Protein backbone atom coordinates (compact mmCIF):
# COMPACT_ATOMS: atom_id res chain seq x y z
CA UNK A 1 22.65 78.42 57.98
CA UNK A 2 21.91 77.75 61.65
CA UNK A 3 18.21 77.98 60.80
CA UNK A 4 18.56 75.36 58.02
CA UNK A 5 20.37 72.99 60.42
CA UNK A 6 17.62 73.41 62.99
CA UNK A 7 14.96 72.78 60.38
CA UNK A 8 16.74 69.66 59.16
CA UNK A 9 17.00 68.42 62.76
CA UNK A 10 13.32 69.08 63.43
CA UNK A 11 12.26 67.43 60.19
CA UNK A 12 14.40 64.36 60.82
CA UNK A 13 13.12 64.12 64.41
CA UNK A 14 9.52 64.40 63.22
CA UNK A 15 10.13 61.74 60.60
CA UNK A 16 11.58 59.35 63.17
CA UNK A 17 8.66 60.04 65.50
CA UNK A 18 6.11 59.35 62.77
CA UNK A 19 7.88 56.16 61.81
CA UNK A 20 7.94 55.04 65.44
CA UNK A 21 4.23 55.77 65.77
CA UNK A 22 3.36 53.96 62.55
CA UNK A 23 5.40 50.89 63.45
CA UNK A 24 4.42 50.74 67.11
CA UNK A 25 0.64 51.08 66.73
CA UNK A 26 -0.75 47.74 67.82
CA UNK A 27 -4.35 48.35 66.84
CA UNK A 28 -7.54 48.24 68.87
CA UNK A 29 -9.83 45.26 69.28
CA UNK A 30 -13.58 45.72 68.93
CA UNK A 31 -16.29 43.15 69.70
CA UNK A 32 -19.79 42.76 68.28
CA UNK A 33 -22.53 40.40 69.48
CA UNK A 34 -26.09 40.40 68.16
CA UNK A 35 -27.22 38.27 71.11
CA UNK A 36 -25.43 39.98 74.00
CA UNK A 37 -24.41 43.39 72.72
CA UNK A 38 -25.67 46.95 73.02
CA UNK A 39 -24.75 49.75 70.65
CA UNK A 40 -24.36 52.05 73.67
CA UNK A 41 -21.42 49.94 74.85
CA UNK A 42 -17.87 50.97 73.98
CA UNK A 43 -17.30 47.71 72.02
CA UNK A 44 -13.80 47.36 73.46
CA UNK A 45 -14.20 44.02 75.22
CA UNK A 46 -16.17 40.79 75.08
CA UNK A 47 -18.10 41.97 78.12
CA UNK A 48 -19.21 45.23 76.44
CA UNK A 49 -19.76 44.45 72.76
CA UNK A 50 -21.70 46.43 70.21
CA UNK A 51 -24.80 44.78 68.79
CA UNK A 52 -25.31 45.75 65.15
CA UNK A 53 -23.58 46.25 61.84
CA UNK A 54 -24.98 49.78 61.82
CA UNK A 55 -22.86 50.59 64.88
CA UNK A 56 -19.81 49.00 63.30
CA UNK A 57 -20.35 51.08 60.17
CA UNK A 58 -20.45 54.28 62.26
CA UNK A 59 -17.08 53.60 63.87
CA UNK A 60 -13.77 54.88 62.58
CA UNK A 61 -11.11 52.19 62.29
CA UNK A 62 -7.38 52.48 61.76
CA UNK A 63 -4.57 50.28 60.50
CA UNK A 64 -4.06 47.28 62.74
CA UNK A 65 -7.57 47.34 64.23
CA UNK A 66 -9.56 44.10 64.53
CA UNK A 67 -13.33 43.78 64.64
CA UNK A 68 -14.56 40.50 66.17
CA UNK A 69 -18.04 39.10 65.58
CA UNK A 70 -19.39 36.63 68.11
CA UNK A 71 -19.64 32.99 67.04
CA UNK A 72 -23.19 31.70 66.74
CA UNK A 73 -24.70 35.15 66.11
CA UNK A 74 -26.42 36.43 62.98
CA UNK A 75 -25.83 40.02 61.88
CA UNK A 76 -28.44 41.48 59.53
CA UNK A 77 -27.61 44.04 56.89
CA UNK A 78 -24.38 45.20 55.30
CA UNK A 79 -20.87 45.58 56.66
CA UNK A 80 -19.51 48.70 54.95
CA UNK A 81 -15.73 48.89 54.98
CA UNK A 82 -14.85 52.56 54.46
CA UNK A 83 -11.36 52.77 55.98
CA UNK A 84 -8.04 51.30 54.89
CA UNK A 85 -5.31 49.54 56.77
CA UNK A 86 -1.61 49.64 55.94
CA UNK A 87 0.90 47.17 54.59
CA UNK A 88 1.51 44.70 57.42
CA UNK A 89 -1.31 46.24 59.48
CA UNK A 90 -4.61 45.44 57.79
CA UNK A 91 -8.00 46.16 59.26
CA UNK A 92 -9.25 42.68 60.13
CA UNK A 93 -12.85 41.46 60.41
CA UNK A 94 -13.11 38.03 62.00
CA UNK A 95 -14.78 35.90 64.70
CA UNK A 96 -14.44 35.25 68.41
CA UNK A 97 -15.86 32.64 70.74
CA UNK A 98 -16.87 29.02 70.26
CA UNK A 99 -19.62 27.64 68.06
CA UNK A 100 -20.78 28.19 64.50
CA UNK A 101 -19.07 30.96 62.60
CA UNK A 102 -20.93 34.28 62.84
CA UNK A 103 -23.18 35.06 59.89
CA UNK A 104 -23.40 38.37 58.04
CA UNK A 105 -26.65 38.24 56.08
CA UNK A 106 -27.11 41.05 53.58
CA UNK A 107 -30.59 39.94 52.64
CA UNK A 108 -32.03 40.68 56.08
CA UNK A 109 -31.21 44.38 56.30
CA UNK A 110 -33.77 47.09 56.97
CA UNK A 111 -35.15 48.88 53.94
CA UNK A 112 -34.62 45.91 51.64
CA UNK A 113 -31.94 43.40 50.77
CA UNK A 114 -28.43 44.79 50.36
CA UNK A 115 -26.41 44.72 47.16
CA UNK A 116 -23.60 42.99 49.06
CA UNK A 117 -23.26 41.56 52.55
CA UNK A 118 -19.80 43.16 52.75
CA UNK A 119 -19.02 46.19 50.60
CA UNK A 120 -15.53 47.67 50.17
CA UNK A 121 -15.21 50.78 47.97
CA UNK A 122 -11.78 52.31 47.29
CA UNK A 123 -10.24 50.88 50.48
CA UNK A 124 -7.37 48.44 50.86
CA UNK A 125 -5.21 46.41 53.23
CA UNK A 126 -8.28 44.53 54.39
CA UNK A 127 -8.42 41.05 55.93
CA UNK A 128 -11.69 39.13 56.31
CA UNK A 129 -11.74 35.66 57.88
CA UNK A 130 -13.76 33.03 59.77
CA UNK A 131 -17.19 34.41 58.87
CA UNK A 132 -20.21 33.07 57.01
CA UNK A 133 -21.47 35.41 54.32
CA UNK A 134 -25.00 35.15 52.89
CA UNK A 135 -27.11 37.31 50.62
CA UNK A 136 -30.17 35.58 49.15
CA UNK A 137 -31.97 38.79 48.25
CA UNK A 138 -35.74 38.81 48.72
CA UNK A 139 -36.76 42.46 49.06
CA UNK A 140 -36.13 45.30 46.63
CA UNK A 141 -33.87 48.09 47.91
CA UNK A 142 -33.75 51.65 46.58
CA UNK A 143 -30.96 52.29 44.04
CA UNK A 144 -30.02 48.60 43.93
CA UNK A 145 -30.87 46.54 40.85
CA UNK A 146 -32.98 43.48 41.64
CA UNK A 147 -30.77 41.45 39.29
CA UNK A 148 -27.53 41.94 41.26
CA UNK A 149 -26.29 40.26 44.43
CA UNK A 150 -22.87 39.71 46.02
CA UNK A 151 -21.40 38.21 49.14
CA UNK A 152 -18.27 40.40 49.28
CA UNK A 153 -17.90 43.16 46.69
CA UNK A 154 -14.66 45.15 46.38
CA UNK A 155 -14.84 48.12 44.01
CA UNK A 156 -11.97 50.23 42.70
CA UNK A 157 -13.54 53.24 40.99
CA UNK A 158 -10.20 54.54 39.71
CA UNK A 159 -9.10 56.96 42.42
CA UNK A 160 -5.88 55.12 43.32
CA UNK A 161 -4.08 51.80 43.24
CA UNK A 162 -5.53 49.43 45.83
CA UNK A 163 -3.52 46.56 47.33
CA UNK A 164 -3.41 44.05 50.13
CA UNK A 165 -6.53 41.90 50.35
CA UNK A 166 -6.57 38.65 52.35
CA UNK A 167 -9.89 36.77 52.41
CA UNK A 168 -9.68 33.36 54.03
CA UNK A 169 -11.52 30.65 55.97
CA UNK A 170 -14.88 32.05 54.95
CA UNK A 171 -18.11 30.29 54.09
CA UNK A 172 -19.87 32.19 51.32
CA UNK A 173 -23.27 30.80 50.40
CA UNK A 174 -26.79 31.51 49.20
CA UNK A 175 -25.91 34.45 46.95
CA UNK A 176 -28.91 35.05 44.68
CA UNK A 177 -30.65 38.07 43.18
CA UNK A 178 -34.33 38.90 43.42
CA UNK A 179 -34.71 38.48 39.67
CA UNK A 180 -32.52 36.85 37.04
CA UNK A 181 -31.05 38.80 34.15
CA UNK A 182 -32.04 37.67 30.68
CA UNK A 183 -28.41 37.99 29.49
CA UNK A 184 -25.85 35.38 30.51
CA UNK A 185 -22.88 37.71 29.97
CA UNK A 186 -24.45 40.56 31.94
CA UNK A 187 -25.09 38.41 35.00
CA UNK A 188 -22.41 39.19 37.58
CA UNK A 189 -23.82 37.65 40.79
CA UNK A 190 -20.78 36.46 42.77
CA UNK A 191 -19.72 35.17 46.17
CA UNK A 192 -16.46 37.19 46.29
CA UNK A 193 -16.00 39.80 43.57
CA UNK A 194 -13.41 42.46 42.65
CA UNK A 195 -14.34 45.18 40.15
CA UNK A 196 -11.82 47.70 38.78
CA UNK A 197 -12.85 50.46 36.37
CA UNK A 198 -10.72 51.11 33.27
CA UNK A 199 -8.42 54.11 33.03
CA UNK A 200 -9.82 57.14 31.16
CA UNK A 201 -6.39 58.72 30.80
CA UNK A 202 -2.78 57.72 31.38
CA UNK A 203 -2.28 59.95 34.43
CA UNK A 204 -5.16 58.35 36.33
CA UNK A 205 -4.46 54.72 35.39
CA UNK A 206 -4.76 52.46 38.45
CA UNK A 207 -5.25 48.81 39.27
CA UNK A 208 -6.01 46.47 42.17
CA UNK A 209 -3.21 44.19 43.30
CA UNK A 210 -1.92 41.69 45.84
CA UNK A 211 -5.16 39.78 46.24
CA UNK A 212 -5.02 36.55 48.26
CA UNK A 213 -8.21 34.44 48.43
CA UNK A 214 -7.63 31.10 50.11
CA UNK A 215 -9.12 28.28 52.17
CA UNK A 216 -12.74 29.32 51.62
CA UNK A 217 -15.88 27.25 51.08
CA UNK A 218 -18.26 28.72 48.51
CA UNK A 219 -21.57 27.26 47.42
CA UNK A 220 -24.99 28.13 46.04
CA UNK A 221 -24.52 31.29 44.00
CA UNK A 222 -26.34 32.35 40.86
CA UNK A 223 -23.20 32.61 38.72
CA UNK A 224 -19.69 32.97 40.17
CA UNK A 225 -17.93 31.81 43.29
CA UNK A 226 -14.92 34.13 42.92
CA UNK A 227 -14.60 36.69 40.12
CA UNK A 228 -12.14 39.45 39.30
CA UNK A 229 -12.81 41.88 36.49
CA UNK A 230 -10.59 44.75 35.44
CA UNK A 231 -12.27 46.31 32.46
CA UNK A 232 -9.94 47.12 29.55
CA UNK A 233 -8.79 50.66 28.87
CA UNK A 234 -8.73 52.24 25.42
CA UNK A 235 -5.97 54.69 26.34
CA UNK A 236 -2.64 54.40 24.50
CA UNK A 237 0.15 53.84 26.96
CA UNK A 238 -2.21 52.00 29.30
CA UNK A 239 -3.63 49.33 26.99
CA UNK A 240 -1.90 45.99 27.43
CA UNK A 241 0.36 47.30 30.18
CA UNK A 242 0.31 46.14 33.79
CA UNK A 243 -1.92 49.10 34.70
CA UNK A 244 -4.64 47.64 32.49
CA UNK A 245 -4.92 44.55 34.72
CA UNK A 246 -5.31 43.51 38.33
CA UNK A 247 -1.91 42.23 39.48
CA UNK A 248 -0.66 39.39 41.68
CA UNK A 249 -3.83 37.43 42.32
CA UNK A 250 -3.60 34.18 44.29
CA UNK A 251 -6.64 31.91 44.57
CA UNK A 252 -5.55 28.88 46.56
CA UNK A 253 -7.17 25.90 48.34
CA UNK A 254 -10.76 27.00 47.93
CA UNK A 255 -13.68 24.60 47.54
CA UNK A 256 -16.72 25.42 45.43
CA UNK A 257 -19.87 23.34 45.31
CA UNK A 258 -23.07 23.73 43.33
CA UNK A 259 -22.28 27.11 41.81
CA UNK A 260 -24.86 28.27 39.26
CA UNK A 261 -22.05 29.25 36.89
CA UNK A 262 -18.29 29.01 37.41
CA UNK A 263 -16.27 28.87 40.60
CA UNK A 264 -13.50 31.20 39.39
CA UNK A 265 -13.19 33.88 36.73
CA UNK A 266 -9.98 35.83 36.16
CA UNK A 267 -10.89 38.65 33.77
CA UNK A 268 -8.14 41.20 33.24
CA UNK A 269 -5.55 39.60 35.54
CA UNK A 270 -1.77 40.06 35.21
CA UNK A 271 -0.01 37.32 37.15
CA UNK A 272 -2.64 35.05 38.60
CA UNK A 273 -2.14 31.78 40.46
CA UNK A 274 -4.99 29.27 40.65
CA UNK A 275 -3.72 26.40 42.81
CA UNK A 276 -5.12 23.52 44.83
CA UNK A 277 -8.79 24.41 44.38
CA UNK A 278 -11.73 22.01 44.07
CA UNK A 279 -14.66 22.74 41.75
CA UNK A 280 -17.70 20.51 42.20
CA UNK A 281 -20.85 20.68 40.05
CA UNK A 282 -20.36 24.03 38.34
CA UNK A 283 -23.45 25.05 36.40
CA UNK A 284 -25.65 23.59 39.13
CA UNK A 285 -29.39 24.06 39.25
CA UNK A 286 -29.91 24.77 42.95
CA UNK A 287 -32.02 27.83 42.11
CA UNK A 288 -32.55 27.38 38.38
CA UNK A 289 -34.89 30.35 37.89
CA UNK A 290 -32.25 32.72 39.34
CA UNK A 291 -29.07 31.12 38.01
CA UNK A 292 -27.27 30.93 34.68
CA UNK A 293 -27.13 27.09 34.93
CA UNK A 294 -23.90 26.86 32.94
CA UNK A 295 -20.22 27.08 33.71
CA UNK A 296 -16.71 25.65 33.72
CA UNK A 297 -14.98 25.18 37.04
CA UNK A 298 -12.68 28.09 36.24
CA UNK A 299 -11.80 30.23 33.21
CA UNK A 300 -9.50 33.01 32.12
CA UNK A 301 -10.36 35.99 29.93
CA UNK A 302 -8.14 38.85 28.71
CA UNK A 303 -5.41 37.84 31.14
CA UNK A 304 -1.63 37.44 31.05
CA UNK A 305 0.78 35.23 32.97
CA UNK A 306 -1.58 32.75 34.62
CA UNK A 307 -0.71 29.44 36.27
CA UNK A 308 -3.48 26.91 37.02
CA UNK A 309 -2.16 23.83 38.78
CA UNK A 310 -3.16 21.07 41.21
CA UNK A 311 -6.86 21.84 40.85
CA UNK A 312 -9.66 19.29 40.48
CA UNK A 313 -13.02 19.75 38.77
CA UNK A 314 -15.98 17.41 38.80
CA UNK A 315 -19.48 17.48 37.35
CA UNK A 316 -19.64 20.74 35.37
CA UNK A 317 -22.90 21.08 33.46
CA UNK A 318 -24.44 23.46 30.94
CA UNK A 319 -25.45 23.84 27.32
CA UNK A 320 -22.11 25.54 26.47
CA UNK A 321 -18.57 25.61 27.88
CA UNK A 322 -18.85 23.57 31.12
CA UNK A 323 -15.34 22.15 31.12
CA UNK A 324 -13.23 21.48 34.19
CA UNK A 325 -11.53 24.74 33.31
CA UNK A 326 -11.02 26.61 30.07
CA UNK A 327 -9.00 29.36 28.46
CA UNK A 328 -11.44 31.83 26.96
CA UNK A 329 -10.22 34.40 24.46
CA UNK A 330 -7.61 37.21 24.41
CA UNK A 331 -5.14 35.60 26.85
CA UNK A 332 -1.35 35.28 26.72
CA UNK A 333 1.11 33.07 28.58
CA UNK A 334 -1.26 30.66 30.30
CA UNK A 335 0.14 27.50 31.95
CA UNK A 336 -2.37 24.76 32.85
CA UNK A 337 -0.71 21.76 34.50
CA UNK A 338 -1.24 18.95 37.02
CA UNK A 339 -5.03 19.29 37.10
CA UNK A 340 -7.65 16.53 37.34
CA UNK A 341 -10.92 16.90 35.44
CA UNK A 342 -13.69 14.31 35.77
CA UNK A 343 -17.22 14.06 34.37
CA UNK A 344 -17.50 17.60 33.00
CA UNK A 345 -19.91 17.44 30.11
CA UNK A 346 -18.43 20.20 27.97
CA UNK A 347 -14.77 19.62 27.12
CA UNK A 348 -11.62 17.91 28.32
CA UNK A 349 -9.40 20.71 27.00
CA UNK A 350 -11.03 23.98 25.88
CA UNK A 351 -9.02 26.84 24.38
CA UNK A 352 -10.81 29.61 22.48
CA UNK A 353 -9.53 32.27 20.08
CA UNK A 354 -7.13 35.22 20.04
CA UNK A 355 -4.77 33.56 22.54
CA UNK A 356 -0.99 33.25 22.45
CA UNK A 357 1.33 30.78 24.19
CA UNK A 358 -1.11 28.45 25.92
CA UNK A 359 0.62 25.50 27.61
CA UNK A 360 -1.58 22.54 28.62
CA UNK A 361 0.46 19.69 30.10
CA UNK A 362 0.39 16.83 32.64
CA UNK A 363 -3.36 17.00 33.17
CA UNK A 364 -5.85 14.13 33.43
CA UNK A 365 -9.28 14.29 31.83
CA UNK A 366 -11.63 11.38 32.59
CA UNK A 367 -15.14 11.14 31.24
CA UNK A 368 -15.30 14.74 30.00
CA UNK A 369 -16.96 15.92 26.79
CA UNK A 370 -20.15 13.87 27.06
CA UNK A 371 -22.64 16.61 26.09
CA UNK A 372 -25.07 15.66 23.32
CA UNK A 373 -26.91 17.99 21.00
CA UNK A 374 -30.58 18.11 20.07
CA UNK A 375 -31.80 16.51 23.27
CA UNK A 376 -33.89 18.19 25.97
CA UNK A 377 -31.77 19.56 28.78
CA UNK A 378 -32.61 19.77 32.48
CA UNK A 379 -32.50 23.58 32.37
CA UNK A 380 -34.70 23.65 29.27
CA UNK A 381 -33.96 23.87 25.56
CA UNK A 382 -31.38 21.97 23.60
CA UNK A 383 -27.66 22.42 23.19
CA UNK A 384 -26.01 23.20 19.88
CA UNK A 385 -22.54 22.56 21.29
CA UNK A 386 -21.43 18.93 21.28
CA UNK A 387 -18.97 17.68 23.85
CA UNK A 388 -15.35 17.43 22.74
CA UNK A 389 -12.27 15.85 24.24
CA UNK A 390 -10.11 18.64 22.82
CA UNK A 391 -11.60 21.90 21.56
CA UNK A 392 -9.23 24.51 20.12
CA UNK A 393 -11.53 27.16 18.67
CA UNK A 394 -11.11 30.49 16.89
CA UNK A 395 -14.01 32.02 18.79
CA UNK A 396 -13.41 35.61 19.88
CA UNK A 397 -15.31 38.89 19.74
CA UNK A 398 -15.84 41.05 17.72
CA UNK A 399 -14.39 38.70 15.11
CA UNK A 400 -13.02 35.19 15.09
CA UNK A 401 -9.23 35.06 15.34
CA UNK A 402 -7.21 31.87 15.59
CA UNK A 403 -5.04 31.37 18.65
CA UNK A 404 -1.38 30.62 18.05
CA UNK A 405 1.36 28.77 19.88
CA UNK A 406 -0.83 26.17 21.54
CA UNK A 407 1.10 23.39 23.28
CA UNK A 408 -0.90 20.36 24.42
CA UNK A 409 1.39 17.58 25.61
CA UNK A 410 1.68 14.74 28.11
CA UNK A 411 -1.98 14.71 29.07
CA UNK A 412 -4.14 11.62 29.64
CA UNK A 413 -7.67 11.52 28.23
CA UNK A 414 -10.17 8.79 29.10
CA UNK A 415 -13.35 8.59 27.03
CA UNK A 416 -15.95 6.72 29.05
CA UNK A 417 -18.45 4.14 27.86
CA UNK A 418 -21.56 5.52 26.19
CA UNK A 419 -19.97 8.81 25.13
CA UNK A 420 -19.05 10.07 21.67
CA UNK A 421 -16.93 13.24 22.00
CA UNK A 422 -15.62 15.16 19.03
CA UNK A 423 -12.18 16.74 18.47
CA UNK A 424 -11.46 20.17 16.96
CA UNK A 425 -8.26 22.05 16.18
CA UNK A 426 -8.80 25.53 14.79
CA UNK A 427 -5.59 27.38 15.55
CA UNK A 428 -2.15 28.26 14.31
CA UNK A 429 0.99 26.47 15.52
CA UNK A 430 -0.83 23.83 17.52
CA UNK A 431 1.37 21.06 18.93
CA UNK A 432 -0.15 17.80 20.19
CA UNK A 433 2.66 15.63 21.59
CA UNK A 434 2.88 12.55 23.81
CA UNK A 435 -0.73 12.47 24.92
CA UNK A 436 -2.57 9.28 25.86
CA UNK A 437 -6.09 8.71 24.52
CA UNK A 438 -7.95 5.75 26.02
CA UNK A 439 -11.48 4.94 24.83
CA UNK A 440 -13.54 2.48 26.83
CA UNK A 441 -15.75 -0.18 25.24
CA UNK A 442 -19.02 1.31 24.06
CA UNK A 443 -17.50 4.73 23.42
CA UNK A 444 -16.02 6.48 20.40
CA UNK A 445 -13.61 9.36 19.87
CA UNK A 446 -13.34 11.83 16.99
CA UNK A 447 -15.99 10.44 14.68
CA UNK A 448 -16.42 14.16 13.95
CA UNK A 449 -12.99 15.71 13.54
CA UNK A 450 -12.50 19.34 12.54
CA UNK A 451 -9.03 20.60 11.67
CA UNK A 452 -9.00 24.13 10.22
CA UNK A 453 -6.17 26.00 8.59
CA UNK A 454 -5.89 29.66 7.57
CA UNK A 455 -2.19 30.42 7.38
CA UNK A 456 1.22 29.34 8.62
CA UNK A 457 1.68 26.15 10.61
CA UNK A 458 -1.44 24.27 11.60
CA UNK A 459 -1.48 21.03 13.61
CA UNK A 460 1.76 19.25 14.48
CA UNK A 461 0.81 15.91 16.02
CA UNK A 462 3.43 13.39 17.16
CA UNK A 463 4.11 10.62 19.64
CA UNK A 464 0.55 10.17 20.92
CA UNK A 465 -0.80 6.81 22.09
CA UNK A 466 -4.26 5.58 21.06
CA UNK A 467 -6.34 2.88 22.75
CA UNK A 468 -9.81 1.78 21.72
CA UNK A 469 -12.38 2.98 19.20
CA UNK A 470 -10.70 6.10 17.81
CA UNK A 471 -11.20 7.60 14.37
CA UNK A 472 -8.50 6.42 11.93
CA UNK A 473 -8.56 9.92 10.45
CA UNK A 474 -7.49 11.36 13.78
CA UNK A 475 -4.72 8.80 14.22
CA UNK A 476 -3.42 9.44 10.69
CA UNK A 477 -2.61 13.05 11.57
CA UNK A 478 -0.02 11.72 14.02
CA UNK A 479 3.37 11.33 12.35
CA UNK A 480 4.46 8.86 15.06
CA UNK A 481 1.37 7.16 16.49
CA UNK A 482 1.29 4.24 18.89
CA UNK A 483 -1.89 2.17 18.66
CA UNK A 484 -1.98 -0.19 21.60
CA UNK A 485 -4.02 -1.78 24.39
CA UNK A 486 -4.41 -0.42 27.91
CA UNK A 487 -7.04 -0.60 30.65
CA UNK A 488 -7.48 1.73 33.60
CA UNK A 489 -8.72 0.21 36.85
CA UNK A 490 -9.87 1.82 40.06
CA UNK A 491 -12.39 4.44 41.04
CA UNK A 492 -13.27 6.80 38.16
CA UNK A 493 -13.14 9.85 40.47
CA UNK A 494 -9.69 8.92 41.80
CA UNK A 495 -6.89 10.45 39.77
CA UNK A 496 -4.48 7.69 40.81
CA UNK A 497 -6.56 5.26 38.75
CA UNK A 498 -5.03 6.79 35.62
CA UNK A 499 -1.36 6.23 36.38
CA UNK A 500 0.14 4.00 33.69
CA UNK A 501 2.30 0.99 34.31
CA UNK A 502 6.02 1.46 33.75
CA UNK A 503 6.20 -1.81 31.79
CA UNK A 504 3.57 -0.45 29.41
CA UNK A 505 5.66 2.69 28.92
CA UNK A 506 8.69 0.54 28.09
CA UNK A 507 6.69 -1.15 25.35
CA UNK A 508 5.54 2.13 23.86
CA UNK A 509 6.95 3.21 20.52
CA UNK A 510 5.31 6.59 20.91
CA UNK A 511 6.95 9.68 22.43
CA UNK A 512 8.62 12.57 20.72
CA UNK A 513 11.29 14.69 22.42
CA UNK A 514 9.89 17.93 23.83
CA UNK A 515 11.40 21.36 23.59
CA UNK A 516 9.40 22.84 26.42
CA UNK A 517 7.65 26.10 25.56
CA UNK A 518 8.66 29.20 27.45
CA UNK A 519 6.54 30.45 30.32
CA UNK A 520 8.35 33.75 30.97
CA UNK A 521 6.99 34.38 34.49
CA UNK A 522 8.21 31.04 35.94
CA UNK A 523 10.40 31.29 39.04
CA UNK A 524 9.44 34.91 39.79
CA UNK A 525 7.18 36.55 42.36
CA UNK A 526 4.04 34.54 43.05
CA UNK A 527 5.42 31.92 40.63
CA UNK A 528 8.69 31.41 42.52
CA UNK A 529 7.74 27.76 43.06
CA UNK A 530 6.80 27.15 39.41
CA UNK A 531 9.52 25.58 37.30
CA UNK A 532 10.03 26.78 33.74
CA UNK A 533 10.80 23.20 32.73
CA UNK A 534 8.70 20.47 34.37
CA UNK A 535 10.64 18.00 36.49
CA UNK A 536 7.82 15.74 37.72
CA UNK A 537 4.72 14.09 36.26
CA UNK A 538 1.12 14.49 37.46
CA UNK A 539 1.78 12.22 40.45
CA UNK A 540 5.01 13.90 41.50
CA UNK A 541 7.27 11.21 40.04
CA UNK A 542 10.55 12.42 38.58
CA UNK A 543 10.48 12.75 34.81
CA UNK A 544 14.16 11.90 34.67
CA UNK A 545 13.23 8.30 35.64
CA UNK A 546 10.94 7.94 32.59
CA UNK A 547 12.41 10.15 29.88
CA UNK A 548 9.99 8.80 27.28
CA UNK A 549 6.76 9.39 29.19
CA UNK A 550 3.48 9.30 27.27
CA UNK A 551 0.44 10.61 29.10
CA UNK A 552 0.28 12.52 32.37
CA UNK A 553 2.02 10.15 34.76
CA UNK A 554 3.11 6.70 35.83
CA UNK A 555 2.87 4.36 38.83
CA UNK A 556 5.69 5.19 41.20
CA UNK A 557 5.65 2.02 43.30
CA UNK A 558 7.25 -0.04 40.58
CA UNK A 559 11.02 -0.23 40.94
CA UNK A 560 12.95 -0.04 37.69
């Protein structure tokens, strides 16, 4: 009995000691300078920095450690992150000194260009900030496919759950392979990429979680700016559970320019927040022979509980897709609200097949859906996919399946002069309420209108307002249409140009009362700031002031 008391005392003392050590460890600072360093230095101060990534890769780091790269220096090769931090004590890679942010260039390594400038395999609690990442691959490297290239690549091979990634204030640019893949869907070149393998059995099911990517500038990549892919499992008890997805992903306040494909892909994400990002010229042809030359600003695939809000997208191009953002297939509970989309040639609203509970509200689409078929394209060939203001499709693989519970309401759509977008609804339980369609002189909307029905409820269309040259067939589907006159003034690329006058709203006979669809994740976790029921319009004006709002928002400076 005395022995057991002693053992309990020793165990409790050891536990307290370990806890004190774990909480008191402040971490060590290391410094690296390509211009002033020497790998024979201890790396522990700015006056004795290491010189190369090879020396950094040799070192053993612990939770709370920070590795500083000198501003203005260029580091050739790959930074290999092969240790983990802890919750609250990440291993941090960042910059020191004044001047241009330090550059890690994976293309300039010895023995050929690296697969990724920064590679993280089965490690977590990692922070990377204030660096420039490049990897325009030029030289073949053994055991690395010429068709692949990444800026930062994080891989979870299925050994354990990984969590705690914070990538911020980075410039990621010039990410291109040596050769392009022939297949669009097999091209995975990305600025910042997370890859998680699917579970092979229930006992070993893992995911990657708590990913925070924010305040980065990403440009000039062959396909993606930011991409997350958790491949689906076929194991019963894992399929369609949280373990079959990456969890708690926040992509906030990033700016993408001239991406060869899309800025953001969430593929296999459970609870993802896409907020305050700017997507400019997705599908760009900066390096057309190495790029896919097609892409929406952002899209979601096989994901659940996603909020996309306060984003803007301009200038998407490509022979297919190429919307401001779109909901691909096999998603559930997706909320798209308060976004501005301008001059994206594919679609104003794009929702593909096999989806459930897609909510698209309080968004503005101006000049989208301008793509024409059977004309030569800059990237070569001709497109078979005409631009559409709204495109609800049954496309999914391996077979077409209609989406259901699609709610499109209180959006504003401007069709610009010289364009002729189509409209398509091919879904079940599609509601189109209180939207504003404005067609400028010299344009036309819905000359080609496709409404498909297979079973159950099809299109329920009420309380929409129509201005300009719009197909009478489209208007007739509305049980409470308002055909009127309205002109938008101001800069086309300025969302405030599309706020409607309160006096015009008073004259409207449109509007149907809304029973807001349920977004079950609202108010919880990373969505704690997302209201289940909207309280403001696109411009932040209270909806209570204009209970019969048609379109995305109104001019707030007018006093009622």
